[in-house]
N, C-alpha and C. Protein backbone atom coordinates (compact mmCIF):
# COMPACT_ATOMS: atom_id res chain seq x y z
N MET A 1 0.69 -1.19 0.13
CA MET A 1 -0.08 0.06 0.01
C MET A 1 0.96 1.26 -0.01
N LEU A 2 2.04 1.20 0.78
CA LEU A 2 2.78 2.48 1.06
C LEU A 2 4.17 2.41 0.29
N ASP A 3 4.57 3.40 -0.38
CA ASP A 3 5.81 3.34 -1.13
C ASP A 3 6.98 3.77 -0.19
N GLU A 4 8.22 3.53 -0.62
CA GLU A 4 9.27 3.87 0.52
C GLU A 4 9.20 5.50 0.97
N GLY A 5 8.67 6.22 0.04
CA GLY A 5 8.71 7.54 0.30
C GLY A 5 7.60 7.90 1.39
N GLU A 6 6.34 7.21 1.29
CA GLU A 6 5.50 7.44 2.44
C GLU A 6 5.85 6.81 3.77
N ILE A 7 6.48 5.48 3.50
CA ILE A 7 7.01 5.04 4.84
C ILE A 7 7.89 5.78 5.49
N ALA A 8 8.98 6.38 4.77
CA ALA A 8 10.08 7.17 5.15
C ALA A 8 9.07 8.52 6.13
N LYS A 9 8.28 9.07 5.63
CA LYS A 9 7.46 10.30 6.27
C LYS A 9 6.92 9.62 7.66
N VAL A 10 6.33 8.55 7.70
CA VAL A 10 5.83 7.86 8.81
C VAL A 10 6.98 7.80 9.61
N GLU A 11 8.09 7.13 9.47
CA GLU A 11 9.18 6.85 10.23
C GLU A 11 9.78 8.13 10.84
N ALA A 12 9.87 9.08 10.05
CA ALA A 12 10.19 10.29 10.56
C ALA A 12 9.32 11.03 11.56
N ALA A 13 8.09 10.70 11.48
CA ALA A 13 6.95 11.30 12.33
C ALA A 13 7.07 10.49 13.63
N LEU A 14 7.87 9.40 13.56
CA LEU A 14 7.96 8.54 14.90
C LEU A 14 9.41 8.55 15.39
N ALA A 15 10.33 9.14 14.62
CA ALA A 15 11.70 9.09 15.21
C ALA A 15 12.21 9.51 16.45
N ASP A 16 11.43 10.30 17.17
CA ASP A 16 11.65 10.58 18.57
C ASP A 16 11.17 9.94 19.74
N LEU A 17 10.70 8.79 19.14
CA LEU A 17 10.01 7.95 20.38
C LEU A 17 11.00 7.05 21.01
N PRO A 18 10.85 6.66 22.25
CA PRO A 18 11.84 5.84 23.10
C PRO A 18 11.81 4.61 22.33
N ALA A 19 13.11 4.00 22.46
CA ALA A 19 13.57 2.66 21.84
C ALA A 19 13.18 1.57 22.87
N GLU A 20 12.64 0.57 22.29
CA GLU A 20 12.68 -0.82 23.01
C GLU A 20 11.44 -0.75 23.98
N ARG A 21 10.41 -0.09 23.60
CA ARG A 21 9.18 0.04 24.52
C ARG A 21 8.01 -0.89 23.99
N ALA A 22 7.39 -1.82 24.44
CA ALA A 22 6.51 -2.59 23.67
C ALA A 22 5.37 -1.90 23.20
N GLY A 23 4.76 -0.95 23.56
CA GLY A 23 3.84 -0.19 22.88
C GLY A 23 3.79 1.36 23.25
N VAL A 24 3.88 2.10 22.48
CA VAL A 24 3.90 3.59 22.90
C VAL A 24 2.56 4.37 22.29
N ARG A 25 1.73 4.76 23.11
CA ARG A 25 0.53 5.64 22.69
C ARG A 25 0.76 6.93 22.24
N LEU A 26 0.33 7.46 21.01
CA LEU A 26 0.50 8.44 20.45
C LEU A 26 -0.30 9.67 20.47
N GLN A 27 0.05 10.79 20.73
CA GLN A 27 -0.82 11.90 21.03
C GLN A 27 -0.10 13.19 20.61
N GLY A 28 -0.75 14.11 20.21
CA GLY A 28 -0.19 15.62 20.12
C GLY A 28 0.84 15.49 18.88
N ARG A 29 0.66 14.65 17.86
CA ARG A 29 1.61 14.64 16.83
C ARG A 29 0.84 15.24 15.52
N PRO A 30 1.03 16.49 15.39
CA PRO A 30 0.24 16.99 14.09
C PRO A 30 0.77 16.42 12.78
N GLU A 31 2.27 16.13 12.76
CA GLU A 31 2.78 15.48 11.35
C GLU A 31 2.17 14.23 11.12
N LEU A 32 2.00 13.33 12.30
CA LEU A 32 1.41 11.96 12.01
C LEU A 32 0.00 12.10 11.77
N ALA A 33 -0.72 13.01 12.42
CA ALA A 33 -2.11 13.15 12.11
C ALA A 33 -2.27 13.37 10.49
N THR A 34 -1.50 14.22 10.22
CA THR A 34 -1.65 14.57 8.56
C THR A 34 -1.61 13.52 7.84
N LEU A 35 -0.43 12.59 8.19
CA LEU A 35 -0.19 11.44 7.22
C LEU A 35 -1.26 10.50 7.22
N LEU A 36 -2.10 10.52 8.61
CA LEU A 36 -3.26 9.72 8.57
C LEU A 36 -4.58 10.13 8.00
N GLY A 37 -4.65 11.29 7.80
CA GLY A 37 -5.90 11.93 7.08
C GLY A 37 -6.23 11.18 5.91
N VAL A 38 -7.66 11.53 5.68
CA VAL A 38 -8.34 10.61 4.56
C VAL A 38 -7.91 10.97 3.15
N ASP A 39 -6.98 12.02 3.04
CA ASP A 39 -6.70 12.47 1.50
C ASP A 39 -5.20 12.11 1.51
N ARG A 40 -4.66 11.15 2.49
CA ARG A 40 -3.39 10.56 2.24
C ARG A 40 -3.44 8.96 2.12
N PRO A 41 -2.36 8.31 1.54
CA PRO A 41 -2.49 6.74 1.23
C PRO A 41 -3.07 5.90 2.49
N ILE A 42 -2.75 6.13 3.81
CA ILE A 42 -3.23 5.32 4.86
C ILE A 42 -4.80 5.78 5.14
N GLY A 43 -4.96 6.83 5.19
CA GLY A 43 -6.44 7.33 5.48
C GLY A 43 -7.52 6.81 4.41
N THR A 44 -7.06 6.69 3.17
CA THR A 44 -7.89 6.31 2.08
C THR A 44 -8.33 4.88 2.59
N VAL A 45 -7.30 4.10 2.97
CA VAL A 45 -7.92 2.60 3.44
C VAL A 45 -9.11 2.58 4.45
N ALA A 46 -9.02 3.50 5.67
CA ALA A 46 -10.01 3.65 6.38
C ALA A 46 -11.48 4.31 5.65
N ALA A 47 -11.21 5.13 4.78
CA ALA A 47 -12.43 5.74 4.12
C ALA A 47 -13.01 4.63 3.23
N SER A 48 -12.19 3.59 2.73
CA SER A 48 -12.74 2.56 2.14
C SER A 48 -13.69 1.80 2.80
N ALA A 49 -13.65 1.64 3.95
CA ALA A 49 -14.57 1.16 4.74
C ALA A 49 -15.68 2.13 5.50
N LEU A 50 -15.26 3.40 5.86
CA LEU A 50 -16.08 4.13 6.77
C LEU A 50 -16.51 5.37 5.88
N GLY A 51 -16.30 5.74 4.79
CA GLY A 51 -16.55 6.88 4.09
C GLY A 51 -15.26 8.10 4.48
N THR A 52 -15.55 9.12 3.57
CA THR A 52 -14.37 10.18 3.74
C THR A 52 -14.78 10.73 4.81
N GLY A 53 -15.75 10.77 5.78
CA GLY A 53 -15.85 11.76 7.07
C GLY A 53 -15.27 11.04 8.21
N CYS A 54 -14.57 9.72 7.96
CA CYS A 54 -13.80 9.21 9.06
C CYS A 54 -12.55 9.99 9.53
N PHE A 55 -12.12 9.59 10.41
CA PHE A 55 -10.82 10.55 11.11
C PHE A 55 -10.22 9.53 12.09
N PRO A 56 -8.90 9.50 12.52
CA PRO A 56 -8.04 8.72 13.26
C PRO A 56 -8.37 9.24 14.73
N VAL A 57 -8.70 8.26 15.94
CA VAL A 57 -8.97 8.73 17.00
C VAL A 57 -8.04 8.10 18.07
N ARG A 58 -7.08 7.20 17.56
CA ARG A 58 -6.23 6.67 18.44
C ARG A 58 -4.96 5.94 17.72
N ALA A 59 -3.75 6.01 18.20
CA ALA A 59 -2.76 5.55 17.36
C ALA A 59 -1.76 5.05 18.36
N VAL A 60 -1.19 3.82 18.19
CA VAL A 60 -0.22 3.30 19.00
C VAL A 60 0.79 2.45 18.22
N LEU A 61 2.19 2.54 18.42
CA LEU A 61 3.30 2.12 18.07
C LEU A 61 3.72 0.83 18.70
N PHE A 62 3.87 -0.29 18.00
CA PHE A 62 4.06 -1.55 18.68
C PHE A 62 5.43 -2.01 17.98
N ASP A 63 6.35 -2.35 18.87
CA ASP A 63 7.59 -3.01 18.33
C ASP A 63 8.00 -4.04 18.95
N LYS A 64 8.11 -5.25 18.39
CA LYS A 64 8.49 -6.40 19.06
C LYS A 64 10.15 -6.58 18.71
N THR A 65 10.79 -6.57 19.72
CA THR A 65 12.34 -6.97 19.50
C THR A 65 12.62 -8.01 20.35
N GLU A 66 13.88 -8.25 20.62
CA GLU A 66 14.35 -9.33 21.40
C GLU A 66 14.23 -8.89 22.78
N ALA A 67 14.29 -7.51 23.17
CA ALA A 67 13.98 -7.28 24.46
C ALA A 67 12.54 -6.94 24.83
N THR A 68 11.72 -6.94 23.72
CA THR A 68 10.21 -6.47 23.93
C THR A 68 9.51 -7.73 23.32
N ASN A 69 9.69 -8.75 23.61
CA ASN A 69 9.09 -9.83 22.62
C ASN A 69 7.84 -10.70 23.50
N TRP A 70 6.78 -9.89 23.49
CA TRP A 70 5.78 -10.46 24.23
C TRP A 70 4.80 -11.12 23.56
N ALA A 71 3.76 -11.95 24.42
CA ALA A 71 2.48 -12.44 23.65
C ALA A 71 1.32 -11.97 24.12
N LEU A 72 0.35 -11.93 23.35
CA LEU A 72 -0.97 -11.46 23.87
C LEU A 72 -2.08 -12.66 23.54
N GLY A 73 -2.94 -12.79 24.32
CA GLY A 73 -3.94 -13.89 24.46
C GLY A 73 -5.14 -13.41 23.66
N TRP A 74 -6.06 -14.13 23.21
CA TRP A 74 -7.22 -13.53 22.48
C TRP A 74 -8.16 -12.64 23.16
N HIS A 75 -8.52 -11.46 22.63
CA HIS A 75 -9.23 -10.50 23.26
C HIS A 75 -9.59 -9.49 22.08
N GLN A 76 -10.49 -8.70 22.65
CA GLN A 76 -11.14 -7.46 21.79
C GLN A 76 -10.71 -6.16 22.37
N ASP A 77 -10.49 -5.27 21.54
CA ASP A 77 -10.15 -3.89 21.91
C ASP A 77 -11.62 -3.22 22.13
N ARG A 78 -11.58 -2.67 23.40
CA ARG A 78 -12.95 -2.42 23.96
C ARG A 78 -12.99 -0.93 24.60
N THR A 79 -11.70 -0.30 24.59
CA THR A 79 -11.87 1.16 25.04
C THR A 79 -11.54 2.24 23.93
N ILE A 80 -11.95 3.44 24.26
CA ILE A 80 -11.26 4.60 23.23
C ILE A 80 -10.73 5.65 24.33
N VAL A 81 -9.91 6.58 23.84
CA VAL A 81 -9.11 7.47 24.68
C VAL A 81 -9.92 8.83 24.39
N VAL A 82 -10.38 9.47 25.54
CA VAL A 82 -11.01 10.68 25.47
C VAL A 82 -10.21 11.90 26.08
N ARG A 83 -10.24 13.18 25.76
CA ARG A 83 -9.91 14.37 26.32
C ARG A 83 -10.08 14.57 27.87
N GLN A 84 -11.18 14.09 28.24
CA GLN A 84 -11.68 14.55 29.79
C GLN A 84 -12.83 13.59 30.02
N ARG A 85 -13.15 13.31 31.26
CA ARG A 85 -14.03 12.51 31.74
C ARG A 85 -15.29 13.05 31.88
N HIS A 86 -16.30 12.65 31.07
CA HIS A 86 -17.57 13.12 31.45
C HIS A 86 -18.67 11.92 31.67
N ASP A 87 -19.32 11.67 32.70
CA ASP A 87 -20.18 10.48 32.83
C ASP A 87 -21.43 10.51 31.96
N VAL A 88 -21.35 9.54 31.00
CA VAL A 88 -22.34 9.54 29.90
C VAL A 88 -22.97 8.08 30.10
N HIS A 89 -24.24 8.13 29.85
CA HIS A 89 -24.85 6.51 29.93
C HIS A 89 -24.41 5.57 28.96
N GLY A 90 -23.83 4.49 29.43
CA GLY A 90 -23.36 3.55 28.65
C GLY A 90 -22.01 3.42 28.29
N PHE A 91 -21.36 4.59 29.00
CA PHE A 91 -19.81 4.66 28.76
C PHE A 91 -19.24 4.24 30.06
N GLY A 92 -18.44 3.18 30.28
CA GLY A 92 -17.86 2.98 31.58
C GLY A 92 -17.59 1.50 31.41
N PRO A 93 -16.61 0.96 32.15
CA PRO A 93 -15.81 1.58 33.31
C PRO A 93 -14.69 2.44 32.49
N TRP A 94 -13.96 3.24 33.63
CA TRP A 94 -13.19 4.25 33.33
C TRP A 94 -11.71 3.75 33.57
N THR A 95 -10.75 4.02 32.80
CA THR A 95 -9.35 3.79 33.27
C THR A 95 -8.35 4.69 32.97
N ILE A 96 -7.24 4.63 33.55
CA ILE A 96 -6.08 5.40 33.22
C ILE A 96 -4.90 4.58 32.71
N LYS A 97 -4.43 4.63 31.49
CA LYS A 97 -3.36 4.02 30.75
C LYS A 97 -2.52 5.05 30.03
N ALA A 98 -1.02 4.79 30.41
CA ALA A 98 -0.18 5.76 30.16
C ALA A 98 -0.54 7.28 30.32
N GLY A 99 -0.99 7.72 31.30
CA GLY A 99 -1.61 8.94 31.75
C GLY A 99 -2.63 9.27 30.82
N LEU A 100 -3.32 8.63 30.09
CA LEU A 100 -4.66 9.06 29.04
C LEU A 100 -5.92 8.35 29.78
N GLN A 101 -6.80 9.06 29.56
CA GLN A 101 -8.26 8.74 30.09
C GLN A 101 -8.87 7.73 28.90
N HIS A 102 -9.05 6.61 29.38
CA HIS A 102 -9.59 5.39 28.57
C HIS A 102 -11.24 5.16 29.24
N VAL A 103 -12.23 5.00 28.32
CA VAL A 103 -13.45 4.51 28.86
C VAL A 103 -14.00 3.28 27.66
N ALA A 104 -14.65 2.55 28.21
CA ALA A 104 -15.21 1.48 27.44
C ALA A 104 -16.58 2.10 27.01
N PRO A 105 -16.65 2.20 25.61
CA PRO A 105 -18.06 2.98 25.19
C PRO A 105 -19.04 1.81 24.80
N PRO A 106 -20.35 2.12 24.41
CA PRO A 106 -21.02 0.98 24.20
C PRO A 106 -20.57 0.14 22.81
N ALA A 107 -21.00 -1.13 22.76
CA ALA A 107 -20.77 -2.03 21.70
C ALA A 107 -20.84 -1.33 20.31
N GLU A 108 -21.96 -0.74 20.21
CA GLU A 108 -22.69 0.01 18.92
C GLU A 108 -21.44 0.87 18.37
N LEU A 109 -20.86 1.73 19.28
CA LEU A 109 -19.78 2.63 18.75
C LEU A 109 -18.66 1.98 18.41
N LEU A 110 -18.03 0.79 18.97
CA LEU A 110 -17.06 0.36 18.48
C LEU A 110 -17.39 -0.73 17.20
N ALA A 111 -18.70 -1.00 17.04
CA ALA A 111 -18.88 -1.82 15.86
C ALA A 111 -18.77 -0.73 14.63
N GLY A 112 -18.89 0.36 14.86
CA GLY A 112 -18.81 1.42 13.68
C GLY A 112 -17.46 1.89 13.49
N MET A 113 -16.44 1.19 14.09
CA MET A 113 -14.93 1.73 13.85
C MET A 113 -14.18 0.75 13.24
N VAL A 114 -13.05 1.14 12.55
CA VAL A 114 -12.08 0.14 11.86
C VAL A 114 -10.60 0.50 12.50
N THR A 115 -10.00 -0.54 12.63
CA THR A 115 -8.42 -0.27 12.99
C THR A 115 -7.47 -1.07 11.77
N LEU A 116 -6.59 0.11 11.70
CA LEU A 116 -5.65 -0.29 10.61
C LEU A 116 -4.38 -0.54 11.24
N ARG A 117 -3.64 -1.61 10.54
CA ARG A 117 -2.32 -1.64 11.06
C ARG A 117 -1.39 -1.61 9.82
N VAL A 118 -0.55 -0.49 10.19
CA VAL A 118 0.50 -0.21 9.04
C VAL A 118 1.84 -0.66 9.29
N HIS A 119 2.46 -1.42 8.45
CA HIS A 119 3.54 -2.61 8.68
C HIS A 119 4.82 -1.55 8.34
N LEU A 120 5.70 -1.30 9.16
CA LEU A 120 6.97 -0.73 8.78
C LEU A 120 8.26 -1.74 8.67
N ASP A 121 7.82 -2.90 8.88
CA ASP A 121 8.86 -4.10 8.93
C ASP A 121 8.03 -5.32 8.34
N PRO A 122 8.83 -6.37 7.78
CA PRO A 122 8.14 -7.21 7.14
C PRO A 122 7.54 -8.32 8.41
N VAL A 123 6.52 -9.06 8.24
CA VAL A 123 5.98 -9.72 9.19
C VAL A 123 5.58 -11.12 8.44
N PRO A 124 6.65 -12.07 8.27
CA PRO A 124 6.34 -13.17 7.95
C PRO A 124 5.87 -14.24 9.25
N ARG A 125 5.71 -15.42 9.04
CA ARG A 125 4.97 -16.31 10.11
C ARG A 125 5.87 -16.41 11.39
N ASP A 126 7.12 -16.40 11.23
CA ASP A 126 8.08 -16.51 12.42
C ASP A 126 8.33 -15.08 13.23
N ASN A 127 7.46 -13.97 12.71
CA ASN A 127 7.73 -12.67 13.41
C ASN A 127 6.49 -12.14 13.92
N ALA A 128 5.83 -13.03 14.37
CA ALA A 128 4.67 -12.72 15.09
C ALA A 128 3.54 -11.86 14.51
N PRO A 129 2.97 -12.44 13.45
CA PRO A 129 2.00 -11.91 12.73
C PRO A 129 0.71 -11.81 13.65
N LEU A 130 -0.34 -10.80 13.59
CA LEU A 130 -1.43 -10.66 14.11
C LEU A 130 -2.27 -11.89 13.92
N LEU A 131 -3.05 -12.40 14.64
CA LEU A 131 -3.90 -13.53 14.48
C LEU A 131 -5.47 -12.84 14.57
N ILE A 132 -6.36 -13.05 13.70
CA ILE A 132 -7.84 -12.70 14.14
C ILE A 132 -8.47 -13.92 13.60
N ALA A 133 -9.71 -13.94 14.36
CA ALA A 133 -10.72 -14.78 14.52
C ALA A 133 -11.74 -14.31 13.46
N ARG A 134 -11.68 -14.57 12.22
CA ARG A 134 -12.54 -14.14 11.24
C ARG A 134 -14.05 -14.25 11.44
N GLY A 135 -14.85 -12.86 11.25
CA GLY A 135 -16.08 -12.91 11.66
C GLY A 135 -16.67 -12.75 13.17
N SER A 136 -15.72 -12.65 14.05
CA SER A 136 -15.91 -12.68 15.19
C SER A 136 -16.59 -11.30 15.64
N HIS A 137 -16.15 -10.07 14.94
CA HIS A 137 -16.82 -8.82 15.25
C HIS A 137 -18.43 -8.91 15.04
N GLN A 138 -19.06 -9.84 14.54
CA GLN A 138 -20.11 -9.92 14.24
C GLN A 138 -21.00 -10.20 15.69
N PHE A 139 -20.41 -10.63 16.63
CA PHE A 139 -21.16 -11.03 17.82
C PHE A 139 -20.62 -9.94 18.94
N GLY A 140 -20.53 -8.72 18.46
CA GLY A 140 -20.57 -7.62 19.42
C GLY A 140 -19.56 -7.80 20.38
N MET A 141 -19.84 -7.40 21.83
CA MET A 141 -19.01 -7.60 22.99
C MET A 141 -19.12 -9.11 23.36
N ILE A 142 -18.09 -9.64 23.34
CA ILE A 142 -17.85 -11.30 23.82
C ILE A 142 -17.65 -11.40 25.13
N PRO A 143 -18.40 -12.05 26.09
CA PRO A 143 -18.03 -12.23 27.37
C PRO A 143 -16.60 -13.08 27.32
N GLU A 144 -15.69 -12.66 28.38
CA GLU A 144 -14.50 -13.57 28.32
C GLU A 144 -14.68 -14.98 28.42
N SER A 145 -15.72 -15.12 29.20
CA SER A 145 -15.69 -16.93 29.27
C SER A 145 -16.34 -17.67 28.24
N ASP A 146 -16.73 -16.81 27.10
CA ASP A 146 -16.94 -17.37 25.65
C ASP A 146 -15.90 -17.24 24.58
N VAL A 147 -14.89 -16.52 24.82
CA VAL A 147 -13.85 -16.25 23.84
C VAL A 147 -13.12 -17.56 23.33
N ASP A 148 -12.76 -18.41 24.24
CA ASP A 148 -12.15 -19.33 23.68
C ASP A 148 -12.86 -20.75 22.87
N ALA A 149 -14.45 -20.56 23.13
CA ALA A 149 -15.36 -21.51 22.32
C ALA A 149 -15.26 -20.78 20.94
N LEU A 150 -15.71 -19.28 20.88
CA LEU A 150 -15.80 -18.75 19.69
C LEU A 150 -14.60 -18.87 18.92
N VAL A 151 -13.23 -18.78 19.43
CA VAL A 151 -11.82 -18.81 18.65
C VAL A 151 -11.97 -20.35 18.10
N ALA A 152 -12.47 -21.22 18.94
CA ALA A 152 -12.23 -22.67 18.46
C ALA A 152 -13.17 -22.98 17.16
N ARG A 153 -13.94 -22.36 17.17
CA ARG A 153 -15.02 -22.68 15.88
C ARG A 153 -14.99 -21.65 14.70
N SER A 154 -13.93 -20.88 15.05
CA SER A 154 -13.53 -19.52 13.93
C SER A 154 -12.42 -20.12 12.84
N GLU A 155 -12.64 -19.42 11.71
CA GLU A 155 -11.40 -19.35 10.92
C GLU A 155 -10.27 -18.64 11.26
N ILE A 156 -9.08 -19.03 11.63
CA ILE A 156 -8.18 -18.08 12.01
C ILE A 156 -7.39 -17.49 10.93
N GLN A 157 -7.04 -16.28 10.83
CA GLN A 157 -6.20 -15.72 9.65
C GLN A 157 -4.95 -15.01 10.32
N ALA A 158 -3.75 -15.34 9.73
CA ALA A 158 -2.55 -14.73 10.23
C ALA A 158 -2.34 -13.69 9.19
N CYS A 159 -2.19 -12.64 9.69
CA CYS A 159 -2.12 -11.52 9.00
C CYS A 159 -0.69 -11.03 8.63
N LEU A 160 -0.13 -11.87 7.68
CA LEU A 160 1.27 -11.65 7.18
C LEU A 160 1.33 -10.47 6.34
N ALA A 161 2.79 -9.71 6.53
CA ALA A 161 2.67 -8.54 5.73
C ALA A 161 4.12 -8.32 5.26
N GLU A 162 4.10 -7.39 4.31
CA GLU A 162 5.56 -6.86 3.72
C GLU A 162 5.60 -5.56 4.24
N ARG A 163 6.72 -4.91 4.18
CA ARG A 163 7.02 -3.53 4.58
C ARG A 163 6.07 -2.70 3.95
N GLY A 164 5.27 -1.73 4.42
CA GLY A 164 4.35 -1.08 3.53
C GLY A 164 3.13 -1.39 3.41
N ASP A 165 2.69 -2.89 4.03
CA ASP A 165 1.55 -3.45 3.65
C ASP A 165 0.53 -2.53 4.92
N VAL A 166 -0.86 -2.50 4.67
CA VAL A 166 -1.92 -1.92 5.58
C VAL A 166 -2.88 -3.08 5.63
N TRP A 167 -3.18 -3.42 6.83
CA TRP A 167 -4.24 -4.39 7.11
C TRP A 167 -5.36 -3.48 7.87
N LEU A 168 -6.67 -3.75 7.52
CA LEU A 168 -7.75 -3.30 8.00
C LEU A 168 -8.52 -4.41 8.58
N TYR A 169 -9.25 -4.00 9.81
CA TYR A 169 -10.37 -4.96 10.09
C TYR A 169 -11.10 -4.24 11.27
N ARG A 170 -12.16 -4.89 11.51
CA ARG A 170 -13.49 -4.27 12.40
C ARG A 170 -12.71 -4.18 13.84
N THR A 171 -12.63 -3.14 14.41
CA THR A 171 -12.11 -2.91 15.74
C THR A 171 -12.56 -3.99 16.89
N LEU A 172 -13.76 -4.63 16.58
CA LEU A 172 -14.30 -5.54 17.81
C LEU A 172 -13.81 -6.92 17.20
N VAL A 173 -12.97 -7.03 16.27
CA VAL A 173 -12.67 -8.46 16.10
C VAL A 173 -11.70 -8.97 17.14
N LEU A 174 -12.28 -10.33 17.35
CA LEU A 174 -11.15 -11.18 18.20
C LEU A 174 -9.75 -11.26 17.59
N HIS A 175 -8.67 -11.10 18.41
CA HIS A 175 -7.29 -11.07 17.72
C HIS A 175 -6.45 -11.46 19.06
N ALA A 176 -5.14 -11.89 18.49
CA ALA A 176 -4.06 -12.33 19.27
C ALA A 176 -2.86 -12.27 18.76
N SER A 177 -1.59 -12.35 19.63
CA SER A 177 -0.11 -12.37 18.98
C SER A 177 0.71 -13.15 19.80
N ALA A 178 1.35 -14.14 19.16
CA ALA A 178 2.43 -14.82 19.70
C ALA A 178 3.79 -14.04 19.99
N ALA A 179 4.53 -14.47 20.83
CA ALA A 179 5.96 -14.06 20.62
C ALA A 179 6.58 -14.30 19.41
N SER A 180 7.45 -13.61 19.09
CA SER A 180 8.19 -13.79 17.73
C SER A 180 9.18 -14.78 17.99
N ILE A 181 9.25 -15.80 16.87
CA ILE A 181 10.20 -16.80 16.87
C ILE A 181 11.48 -16.11 16.68
N ARG A 182 11.45 -15.08 15.84
CA ARG A 182 12.58 -14.60 15.09
C ARG A 182 12.60 -12.97 15.64
N PRO A 183 12.97 -12.74 16.71
CA PRO A 183 12.61 -11.18 17.23
C PRO A 183 13.56 -10.44 16.59
N VAL A 184 13.51 -9.87 15.46
CA VAL A 184 14.46 -8.96 14.45
C VAL A 184 13.69 -7.45 14.42
N GLY A 185 12.59 -7.27 15.06
CA GLY A 185 12.05 -5.93 14.90
C GLY A 185 10.72 -6.20 14.34
N ARG A 186 9.52 -5.66 14.76
CA ARG A 186 8.34 -5.70 14.08
C ARG A 186 7.74 -4.58 14.48
N ARG A 187 7.96 -3.41 13.98
CA ARG A 187 7.22 -2.25 13.93
C ARG A 187 5.83 -2.15 13.41
N VAL A 188 4.84 -1.90 14.13
CA VAL A 188 3.50 -1.85 13.47
C VAL A 188 2.73 -0.46 14.13
N LEU A 189 2.22 0.31 13.38
CA LEU A 189 1.49 1.42 13.66
C LEU A 189 0.07 1.10 13.47
N GLN A 190 -0.51 0.88 14.90
CA GLN A 190 -1.89 0.69 14.61
C GLN A 190 -2.75 1.88 15.23
N VAL A 191 -3.86 2.16 14.21
CA VAL A 191 -4.62 3.39 14.25
C VAL A 191 -6.10 2.82 14.13
N ASP A 192 -6.89 3.64 15.08
CA ASP A 192 -8.23 3.29 15.23
C ASP A 192 -9.15 4.59 14.41
N TYR A 193 -9.83 4.38 13.61
CA TYR A 193 -10.61 5.29 12.89
C TYR A 193 -12.18 5.34 13.06
N ALA A 194 -12.80 6.28 13.59
CA ALA A 194 -14.39 6.55 13.71
C ALA A 194 -14.85 7.39 12.86
N VAL A 195 -16.36 7.40 12.75
CA VAL A 195 -16.90 8.47 11.77
C VAL A 195 -17.77 9.34 12.28
N SER A 196 -18.27 9.16 13.73
CA SER A 196 -19.01 10.06 14.30
C SER A 196 -18.54 10.71 15.55
N PRO A 197 -19.11 11.87 15.92
CA PRO A 197 -18.69 12.57 17.19
C PRO A 197 -19.05 11.79 18.34
N LEU A 198 -18.59 11.72 19.66
CA LEU A 198 -19.19 11.35 20.79
C LEU A 198 -20.20 12.05 21.36
N PRO A 199 -21.22 11.45 22.34
CA PRO A 199 -22.29 12.22 22.92
C PRO A 199 -21.75 12.78 24.25
N GLY A 200 -22.66 13.59 24.81
CA GLY A 200 -22.66 14.24 26.13
C GLY A 200 -21.40 14.93 26.27
N GLY A 201 -20.56 15.75 25.52
CA GLY A 201 -19.47 16.43 25.89
C GLY A 201 -18.15 15.65 25.89
N LEU A 202 -18.37 14.37 25.37
CA LEU A 202 -17.13 13.71 25.38
C LEU A 202 -16.27 13.82 24.03
N GLU A 203 -15.18 13.78 23.92
CA GLU A 203 -14.16 14.06 22.74
C GLU A 203 -13.17 13.13 22.66
N TYR A 204 -12.95 12.69 21.48
CA TYR A 204 -11.88 11.76 21.30
C TYR A 204 -10.54 12.52 21.62
N LEU A 205 -9.67 11.94 22.09
CA LEU A 205 -8.33 12.76 22.23
C LEU A 205 -7.72 12.76 20.79
N GLY A 206 -7.68 11.82 20.20
CA GLY A 206 -7.06 11.99 18.55
C GLY A 206 -5.59 11.83 18.71
N VAL A 207 -4.90 12.12 17.47
CA VAL A 207 -3.56 11.85 17.28
C VAL A 207 -2.68 13.07 17.35
């Protein structure tokens, strides 16, 4: 999806980030926000699913190296990041992660979002590709007690990638990641996109 010139722009926008941290939540980065707009190559991928009114609401850089070679079990992404807490019906519980205000919104809101994974390094099978349970987003919020059974009867997709590839999936899809067999670096910029503003005075923190 991305040529070397566009990848270089993304890397430049992330160049000052601390090394060897498993995941870095990105905020207050206007250069990156511009690169994620719907008029740029990455944003066009989100717009293909949500329309040109969509916008990036959260970005995280993940980097698996020999020092940060984690594994993550099957789960759904269930929270959004907001500027300030306002108690609104259907939103909660509230948590603070990396100093940022997170809240679990209604399932309907998450169902209207998509997540992009922008690959800055190749991800063959031995470099911890994301695993998704195809179609699992159609079940809404899945109780943790039901996750294993749903995964067992789902088709599992390994999201292999070359440098510059972009994967798009529904934010509520069940996904997991094993530790890398060959931890040579696996940088992935993960971006959530939404298409509607939040109710009750809540605002997405954004990128």
